[in-house]
Amino acid sequence: HGLIDLGVDGIITDYPDRLRAVMAKRGLPLPVPTPVDVER
């Protein structure tokens, strides 16, 4: 939450689902999800 409060331009995370949930809860615009091929 702290980085979002600071107004950073980007966040790299191992848990994009958690970051997306925080962003949605705060009413921030969400980027288009990147599809991942788990069959590879």
N, C-alpha and C. Protein backbone atom coordinates (compact mmCIF):
# COMPACT_ATOMS: atom_id res chain seq x y z
N HIS A 1 0.83 -1.19 0.00
CA HIS A 1 0.00 0.00 0.00
C HIS A 1 0.87 1.26 0.00
N GLY A 2 2.01 1.17 0.64
CA GLY A 2 2.88 2.34 0.76
C GLY A 2 3.38 2.86 -0.57
N LEU A 3 3.75 1.97 -1.47
CA LEU A 3 4.23 2.41 -2.78
C LEU A 3 3.14 3.11 -3.57
N ILE A 4 1.94 2.60 -3.48
CA ILE A 4 0.82 3.24 -4.17
C ILE A 4 0.58 4.63 -3.58
N ASP A 5 0.66 4.74 -2.26
CA ASP A 5 0.48 6.04 -1.60
C ASP A 5 1.55 7.04 -2.03
N LEU A 6 2.76 6.56 -2.34
CA LEU A 6 3.84 7.43 -2.78
C LEU A 6 3.67 7.87 -4.24
N GLY A 7 2.80 7.19 -4.98
CA GLY A 7 2.54 7.56 -6.37
C GLY A 7 3.56 7.02 -7.35
N VAL A 8 4.13 5.85 -7.07
CA VAL A 8 5.11 5.28 -7.99
C VAL A 8 4.49 5.03 -9.36
N ASP A 9 5.34 4.97 -10.38
CA ASP A 9 4.88 4.75 -11.75
C ASP A 9 4.64 3.28 -12.07
N GLY A 10 5.26 2.39 -11.32
CA GLY A 10 5.10 0.97 -11.60
C GLY A 10 5.51 0.12 -10.42
N ILE A 11 4.95 -1.07 -10.35
CA ILE A 11 5.28 -2.01 -9.28
C ILE A 11 5.50 -3.38 -9.92
N ILE A 12 6.64 -4.00 -9.62
CA ILE A 12 6.92 -5.35 -10.07
C ILE A 12 6.68 -6.27 -8.88
N THR A 13 5.91 -7.33 -9.09
CA THR A 13 5.56 -8.21 -7.99
C THR A 13 5.48 -9.66 -8.43
N ASP A 14 5.71 -10.55 -7.49
CA ASP A 14 5.50 -11.98 -7.73
C ASP A 14 4.04 -12.36 -7.53
N TYR A 15 3.24 -11.42 -7.05
CA TYR A 15 1.83 -11.67 -6.73
C TYR A 15 0.92 -10.64 -7.41
N PRO A 16 0.83 -10.68 -8.75
CA PRO A 16 0.03 -9.69 -9.46
C PRO A 16 -1.45 -9.74 -9.09
N ASP A 17 -1.94 -10.91 -8.70
CA ASP A 17 -3.35 -11.01 -8.31
C ASP A 17 -3.62 -10.21 -7.04
N ARG A 18 -2.68 -10.21 -6.12
CA ARG A 18 -2.85 -9.44 -4.88
C ARG A 18 -2.78 -7.94 -5.15
N LEU A 19 -1.83 -7.53 -5.99
CA LEU A 19 -1.72 -6.12 -6.34
C LEU A 19 -2.98 -5.66 -7.07
N ARG A 20 -3.47 -6.47 -7.98
CA ARG A 20 -4.69 -6.13 -8.72
C ARG A 20 -5.87 -5.95 -7.77
N ALA A 21 -5.97 -6.82 -6.75
CA ALA A 21 -7.06 -6.71 -5.77
C ALA A 21 -6.96 -5.40 -4.99
N VAL A 22 -5.74 -5.02 -4.59
CA VAL A 22 -5.54 -3.77 -3.86
C VAL A 22 -5.91 -2.58 -4.74
N MET A 23 -5.47 -2.61 -6.00
CA MET A 23 -5.78 -1.52 -6.92
C MET A 23 -7.28 -1.41 -7.13
N ALA A 24 -7.95 -2.53 -7.31
CA ALA A 24 -9.41 -2.52 -7.53
C ALA A 24 -10.12 -1.97 -6.30
N LYS A 25 -9.68 -2.37 -5.11
CA LYS A 25 -10.30 -1.90 -3.87
C LYS A 25 -10.16 -0.39 -3.72
N ARG A 26 -9.05 0.16 -4.22
CA ARG A 26 -8.81 1.60 -4.13
C ARG A 26 -9.44 2.38 -5.28
N GLY A 27 -10.04 1.66 -6.23
CA GLY A 27 -10.67 2.32 -7.36
C GLY A 27 -9.69 2.83 -8.40
N LEU A 28 -8.50 2.24 -8.43
CA LEU A 28 -7.49 2.65 -9.41
C LEU A 28 -7.75 1.95 -10.74
N PRO A 29 -7.35 2.58 -11.85
CA PRO A 29 -7.54 1.92 -13.14
C PRO A 29 -6.68 0.66 -13.22
N LEU A 30 -7.25 -0.41 -13.74
CA LEU A 30 -6.54 -1.68 -13.84
C LEU A 30 -6.02 -1.89 -15.26
N PRO A 31 -4.76 -2.33 -15.40
CA PRO A 31 -4.24 -2.64 -16.73
C PRO A 31 -4.91 -3.89 -17.28
N VAL A 32 -4.85 -4.04 -18.58
CA VAL A 32 -5.39 -5.23 -19.22
C VAL A 32 -4.52 -6.42 -18.78
N PRO A 33 -5.13 -7.51 -18.32
CA PRO A 33 -4.33 -8.67 -17.90
C PRO A 33 -3.55 -9.27 -19.07
N THR A 34 -2.37 -9.76 -18.80
CA THR A 34 -1.55 -10.43 -19.80
C THR A 34 -1.83 -11.92 -19.72
N PRO A 35 -2.29 -12.52 -20.83
CA PRO A 35 -2.56 -13.96 -20.79
C PRO A 35 -1.26 -14.75 -20.64
N VAL A 36 -1.32 -15.84 -19.91
CA VAL A 36 -0.16 -16.70 -19.69
C VAL A 36 -0.51 -18.11 -20.13
N ASP A 37 0.36 -18.71 -20.92
CA ASP A 37 0.15 -20.08 -21.39
C ASP A 37 0.81 -21.03 -20.39
N VAL A 38 0.01 -21.66 -19.55
CA VAL A 38 0.54 -22.55 -18.52
C VAL A 38 0.84 -23.95 -19.05
N GLU A 39 0.51 -24.21 -20.30
CA GLU A 39 0.76 -25.51 -20.91
C GLU A 39 2.21 -25.66 -21.35
N ARG A 40 2.97 -24.60 -21.40
CA ARG A 40 4.35 -24.64 -21.90
C ARG A 40 5.28 -25.23 -20.94
